[in-house]
Structures are given as structure tokens and as C-alpha cells.
Amino acid sequence: MAAKKSEQALVGEWREMLALHARTLGELDRALDRHGLGASDFEVLDILAEAGAEGGDGCLRVQVIASRVHLSQSALSRLVARLERDGLVRRAMCSEDRRGVRVELTETGRARHTEARPLQRAVLSRMLNRPDAGQDREADRPGV
């Protein structure tokens, strides 16, 4: 009986985590829409911005981005194509491996990321109950 309760608690915890993830993605999508972005769009821009801030050249291979986002390779390819169409990123062939594709932020992409970042961090802070981790202001809340 104790094993059954333990298993139920484990499954319950897992389902709570999934529900939090779904609610958070929904909130991010609603909030970021005012910047013309979805949660996955922002995540790719954020990863590229971090790559540039860490002393790198701000370019990442698609495979590296894929390892950091939770999208299939084909979904990521479509997302990157859309971001490129919107002028937020540019793709180029890898000089060291002609089969690889590198992605980098454009100036427009960097500016959009900079504008949307405080809002994204505020939503994360609120949804994850970490008011000290972001700028959780009333004005940043979707629907307020």
C-alpha cells in the first residue's frame, strides 16, 4: 500500500510539473505576442543572444540550438526560417563544415530580444514564484 501511495505521489508531482509547463508556455506566448514573438521564438533569440554575450561570435550551429530547445529538428528549421523571413536572424553555411548551417542574430533580432527580455523574465518569475528573479511589475503582466 505504501508503494502505491509513493507511486501516486510521483505521478501527481509529474503531472503538476507538466501543468506548470503548459501554463507557463501559454502565459509566455500571450505576453510575447505584443513583440511579435512566441515562447519558442524568444527562446531561440535568447540562446543566440547568450552565445554572443559569452564572448563568442553570436553564431551557433542549428544542431547546438536544437540541443538547447525542446523542438524537433524540422520544427526548429521552420522556426529559424520564419525568424529569418522576419529579419531577426540570418543563416549561413559553416565555413568548417559545408553541410552545417550557422544561425546568428541580426541587429533587428538583437533589438527585439532586448525589448522582450524583461517581459519574458517577469512572466517566468511570476509563474515560477520567484519575484526576486525578474522585474515582476503590473505593467509587464499580460492582460493588465
C-alpha atoms as a PDB file:
ATOM      1  CA  MET A   1       0.000   0.000   0.000  1.00  0.00           C
ATOM      2  CA  ALA A   2       2.843   2.425   0.839  1.00  0.00           C
ATOM      3  CA  ALA A   3       4.451   1.709  -2.544  1.00  0.00           C
ATOM      4  CA  LYS A   4       1.164   2.514  -4.301  1.00  0.00           C
ATOM      5  CA  LYS A   5       0.885   5.873  -2.451  1.00  0.00           C
ATOM      6  CA  SER A   6       4.506   6.658  -3.271  1.00  0.00           C
ATOM      7  CA  GLU A   7       3.870   5.894  -6.942  1.00  0.00           C
ATOM      8  CA  GLN A   8       0.716   8.027  -6.946  1.00  0.00           C
ATOM      9  CA  ALA A   9       2.641  10.909  -5.371  1.00  0.00           C
ATOM     10  CA  LEU A  10       5.361  10.585  -8.011  1.00  0.00           C
ATOM     11  CA  VAL A  11       2.829  10.603 -10.859  1.00  0.00           C
ATOM     12  CA  GLY A  12       0.977  13.514  -9.239  1.00  0.00           C
ATOM     13  CA  GLU A  13       4.180  15.529  -8.999  1.00  0.00           C
ATOM     14  CA  TRP A  14       4.969  14.760 -12.643  1.00  0.00           C
ATOM     15  CA  ARG A  15       1.510  15.915 -13.754  1.00  0.00           C
ATOM     16  CA  GLU A  16       1.824  19.124 -11.714  1.00  0.00           C
ATOM     17  CA  MET A  17       5.129  19.834 -13.434  1.00  0.00           C
ATOM     18  CA  LEU A  18       3.570  19.257 -16.864  1.00  0.00           C
ATOM     19  CA  ALA A  19       0.647  21.534 -15.978  1.00  0.00           C
ATOM     20  CA  LEU A  20       3.024  24.283 -14.802  1.00  0.00           C
ATOM     21  CA  HIS A  21       4.990  23.952 -18.033  1.00  0.00           C
ATOM     22  CA  ALA A  22       1.825  24.230 -20.137  1.00  0.00           C
ATOM     23  CA  ARG A  23       0.519  27.227 -18.156  1.00  0.00           C
ATOM     24  CA  THR A  24       3.897  28.968 -18.356  1.00  0.00           C
ATOM     25  CA  LEU A  25       4.192  28.435 -22.122  1.00  0.00           C
ATOM     26  CA  GLY A  26       0.686  29.818 -22.570  1.00  0.00           C
ATOM     27  CA  GLU A  27       1.497  32.895 -20.486  1.00  0.00           C
ATOM     28  CA  LEU A  28       4.751  33.431 -22.387  1.00  0.00           C
ATOM     29  CA  ASP A  29       3.001  33.135 -25.745  1.00  0.00           C
ATOM     30  CA  ARG A  30       0.339  35.663 -24.703  1.00  0.00           C
ATOM     31  CA  ALA A  31       2.860  38.109 -23.236  1.00  0.00           C
ATOM     32  CA  LEU A  32       5.394  37.912 -26.064  1.00  0.00           C
ATOM     33  CA  ASP A  33       2.742  38.291 -28.751  1.00  0.00           C
ATOM     34  CA  ARG A  34       2.934  42.082 -28.323  1.00  0.00           C
ATOM     35  CA  HIS A  35       6.529  41.784 -29.584  1.00  0.00           C
ATOM     36  CA  GLY A  36       5.504  39.550 -32.489  1.00  0.00           C
ATOM     37  CA  LEU A  37       7.116  36.517 -30.840  1.00  0.00           C
ATOM     38  CA  GLY A  38       6.074  33.213 -29.355  1.00  0.00           C
ATOM     39  CA  ALA A  39       7.795  31.426 -26.498  1.00  0.00           C
ATOM     40  CA  SER A  40       9.869  29.234 -28.830  1.00  0.00           C
ATOM     41  CA  ASP A  41      10.831  32.210 -30.997  1.00  0.00           C
ATOM     42  CA  PHE A  42      12.062  34.083 -27.949  1.00  0.00           C
ATOM     43  CA  GLU A  43      13.941  31.021 -26.674  1.00  0.00           C
ATOM     44  CA  VAL A  44      15.968  30.801 -29.899  1.00  0.00           C
ATOM     45  CA  LEU A  45      16.712  34.542 -29.810  1.00  0.00           C
ATOM     46  CA  ASP A  46      17.710  34.235 -26.136  1.00  0.00           C
ATOM     47  CA  ILE A  47      20.078  31.339 -26.825  1.00  0.00           C
ATOM     48  CA  LEU A  48      21.719  33.279 -29.660  1.00  0.00           C
ATOM     49  CA  ALA A  49      21.983  36.431 -27.510  1.00  0.00           C
ATOM     50  CA  GLU A  50      23.634  34.418 -24.721  1.00  0.00           C
ATOM     51  CA  ALA A  51      26.094  32.931 -27.226  1.00  0.00           C
ATOM     52  CA  GLY A  52      27.133  36.457 -28.218  1.00  0.00           C
ATOM     53  CA  ALA A  53      27.325  37.649 -24.610  1.00  0.00           C
ATOM     54  CA  GLU A  54      29.560  34.738 -23.571  1.00  0.00           C
ATOM     55  CA  GLY A  55      32.410  36.093 -25.662  1.00  0.00           C
ATOM     56  CA  GLY A  56      31.539  34.050 -28.725  1.00  0.00           C
ATOM     57  CA  ASP A  57      30.723  35.365 -32.149  1.00  0.00           C
ATOM     58  CA  GLY A  58      26.981  35.066 -31.522  1.00  0.00           C
ATOM     59  CA  CYS A  59      26.609  32.352 -34.142  1.00  0.00           C
ATOM     60  CA  LEU A  60      25.514  28.832 -33.331  1.00  0.00           C
ATOM     61  CA  ARG A  61      25.084  25.745 -35.434  1.00  0.00           C
ATOM     62  CA  VAL A  62      21.490  24.612 -35.797  1.00  0.00           C
ATOM     63  CA  GLN A  63      22.403  21.349 -34.026  1.00  0.00           C
ATOM     64  CA  VAL A  64      23.607  23.289 -30.970  1.00  0.00           C
ATOM     65  CA  ILE A  65      20.386  25.303 -30.852  1.00  0.00           C
ATOM     66  CA  ALA A  66      18.396  22.075 -31.242  1.00  0.00           C
ATOM     67  CA  SER A  67      20.147  20.600 -28.216  1.00  0.00           C
ATOM     68  CA  ARG A  68      19.022  23.576 -26.107  1.00  0.00           C
ATOM     69  CA  VAL A  69      15.388  23.921 -27.188  1.00  0.00           C
ATOM     70  CA  HIS A  70      12.655  21.343 -26.954  1.00  0.00           C
ATOM     71  CA  LEU A  71      11.713  21.219 -30.618  1.00  0.00           C
ATOM     72  CA  SER A  72      12.168  18.601 -33.279  1.00  0.00           C
ATOM     73  CA  GLN A  73      14.799  19.320 -35.928  1.00  0.00           C
ATOM     74  CA  SER A  74      12.090  20.026 -38.520  1.00  0.00           C
ATOM     75  CA  ALA A  75      10.123  22.338 -36.187  1.00  0.00           C
ATOM     76  CA  LEU A  76      13.320  24.229 -35.363  1.00  0.00           C
ATOM     77  CA  SER A  77      14.152  24.553 -39.069  1.00  0.00           C
ATOM     78  CA  ARG A  78      10.711  26.048 -39.746  1.00  0.00           C
ATOM     79  CA  LEU A  79      11.072  28.404 -36.766  1.00  0.00           C
ATOM     80  CA  VAL A  80      14.522  29.594 -37.891  1.00  0.00           C
ATOM     81  CA  ALA A  81      13.198  30.106 -41.442  1.00  0.00           C
ATOM     82  CA  ARG A  82      10.351  32.237 -40.056  1.00  0.00           C
ATOM     83  CA  LEU A  83      12.742  34.256 -37.858  1.00  0.00           C
ATOM     84  CA  GLU A  84      14.952  34.788 -40.906  1.00  0.00           C
ATOM     85  CA  ARG A  85      11.960  35.917 -43.005  1.00  0.00           C
ATOM     86  CA  ASP A  86      11.141  38.410 -40.229  1.00  0.00           C
ATOM     87  CA  GLY A  87      14.719  39.721 -40.332  1.00  0.00           C
ATOM     88  CA  LEU A  88      15.568  38.576 -36.781  1.00  0.00           C
ATOM     89  CA  VAL A  89      18.261  36.012 -37.664  1.00  0.00           C
ATOM     90  CA  ARG A  90      20.390  35.107 -40.655  1.00  0.00           C
ATOM     91  CA  ARG A  91      21.599  31.687 -41.716  1.00  0.00           C
ATOM     92  CA  ALA A  92      24.930  30.891 -43.345  1.00  0.00           C
ATOM     93  CA  MET A  93      26.868  27.781 -44.231  1.00  0.00           C
ATOM     94  CA  CYS A  94      29.524  26.739 -41.721  1.00  0.00           C
ATOM     95  CA  SER A  95      32.987  27.508 -43.010  1.00  0.00           C
ATOM     96  CA  GLU A  96      34.472  24.482 -41.231  1.00  0.00           C
ATOM     97  CA  ASP A  97      31.766  22.053 -42.399  1.00  0.00           C
ATOM     98  CA  ARG A  98      29.861  22.932 -45.571  1.00  0.00           C
ATOM     99  CA  ARG A  99      26.993  20.636 -44.540  1.00  0.00           C
ATOM    100  CA  GLY A 100      26.320  22.610 -41.359  1.00  0.00           C
ATOM    101  CA  VAL A 101      24.244  25.749 -41.007  1.00  0.00           C
ATOM    102  CA  ARG A 102      25.016  28.542 -38.572  1.00  0.00           C
ATOM    103  CA  VAL A 103      22.445  30.988 -37.254  1.00  0.00           C
ATOM    104  CA  GLU A 104      23.123  34.468 -35.904  1.00  0.00           C
ATOM    105  CA  LEU A 105      21.065  37.356 -34.579  1.00  0.00           C
ATOM    106  CA  THR A 106      20.644  40.380 -36.789  1.00  0.00           C
ATOM    107  CA  GLU A 107      20.625  43.858 -35.271  1.00  0.00           C
ATOM    108  CA  THR A 108      16.832  43.790 -35.560  1.00  0.00           C
ATOM    109  CA  GLY A 109      16.768  40.435 -33.745  1.00  0.00           C
ATOM    110  CA  ARG A 110      19.043  41.726 -31.008  1.00  0.00           C
ATOM    111  CA  ALA A 111      16.820  44.783 -30.534  1.00  0.00           C
ATOM    112  CA  ARG A 112      13.630  42.670 -30.419  1.00  0.00           C
ATOM    113  CA  HIS A 113      15.255  40.333 -27.880  1.00  0.00           C
ATOM    114  CA  THR A 114      16.324  43.293 -25.734  1.00  0.00           C
ATOM    115  CA  GLU A 115      12.775  44.718 -25.811  1.00  0.00           C
ATOM    116  CA  ALA A 116      11.078  41.394 -24.978  1.00  0.00           C
ATOM    117  CA  ARG A 117      13.555  40.048 -22.423  1.00  0.00           C
ATOM    118  CA  PRO A 118      12.252  41.924 -19.335  1.00  0.00           C
ATOM    119  CA  LEU A 119       8.713  40.791 -20.079  1.00  0.00           C
ATOM    120  CA  GLN A 120       9.755  37.171 -20.574  1.00  0.00           C
ATOM    121  CA  ARG A 121      11.769  37.195 -17.349  1.00  0.00           C
ATOM    122  CA  ALA A 122       8.840  38.777 -15.464  1.00  0.00           C
ATOM    123  CA  VAL A 123       6.469  36.057 -16.668  1.00  0.00           C
ATOM    124  CA  LEU A 124       8.958  33.360 -15.644  1.00  0.00           C
ATOM    125  CA  SER A 125       9.391  34.975 -12.231  1.00  0.00           C
ATOM    126  CA  ARG A 126       5.653  35.154 -11.650  1.00  0.00           C
ATOM    127  CA  MET A 127       4.862  31.678 -12.934  1.00  0.00           C
ATOM    128  CA  LEU A 128       7.745  30.061 -11.028  1.00  0.00           C
ATOM    129  CA  ASN A 129       7.007  32.073  -7.867  1.00  0.00           C
ATOM    130  CA  ARG A 130      10.345  33.858  -7.905  1.00  0.00           C
ATOM    131  CA  PRO A 131       9.574  37.563  -7.594  1.00  0.00           C
ATOM    132  CA  ASP A 132      13.223  38.356  -6.869  1.00  0.00           C
ATOM    133  CA  ALA A 133      14.407  36.801 -10.147  1.00  0.00           C
ATOM    134  CA  GLY A 134      12.864  39.336 -12.523  1.00  0.00           C
ATOM    135  CA  GLN A 135      11.009  42.555 -12.976  1.00  0.00           C
ATOM    136  CA  ASP A 136       7.517  41.397 -11.987  1.00  0.00           C
ATOM    137  CA  ARG A 137       5.679  44.676 -12.443  1.00  0.00           C
ATOM    138  CA  GLU A 138       1.946  45.062 -13.019  1.00  0.00           C
ATOM    139  CA  ALA A 139       2.647  46.639 -16.424  1.00  0.00           C
ATOM    140  CA  ASP A 140       4.505  43.511 -17.564  1.00  0.00           C
ATOM    141  CA  ARG A 141       1.638  41.168 -16.842  1.00  0.00           C
ATOM    142  CA  PRO A 142      -0.400  40.019 -19.822  1.00  0.00           C
ATOM    143  CA  GLY A 143      -3.911  41.342 -19.768  1.00  0.00           C
ATOM    144  CA  VAL A 144      -3.146  44.087 -17.228  1.00  0.00           C
END
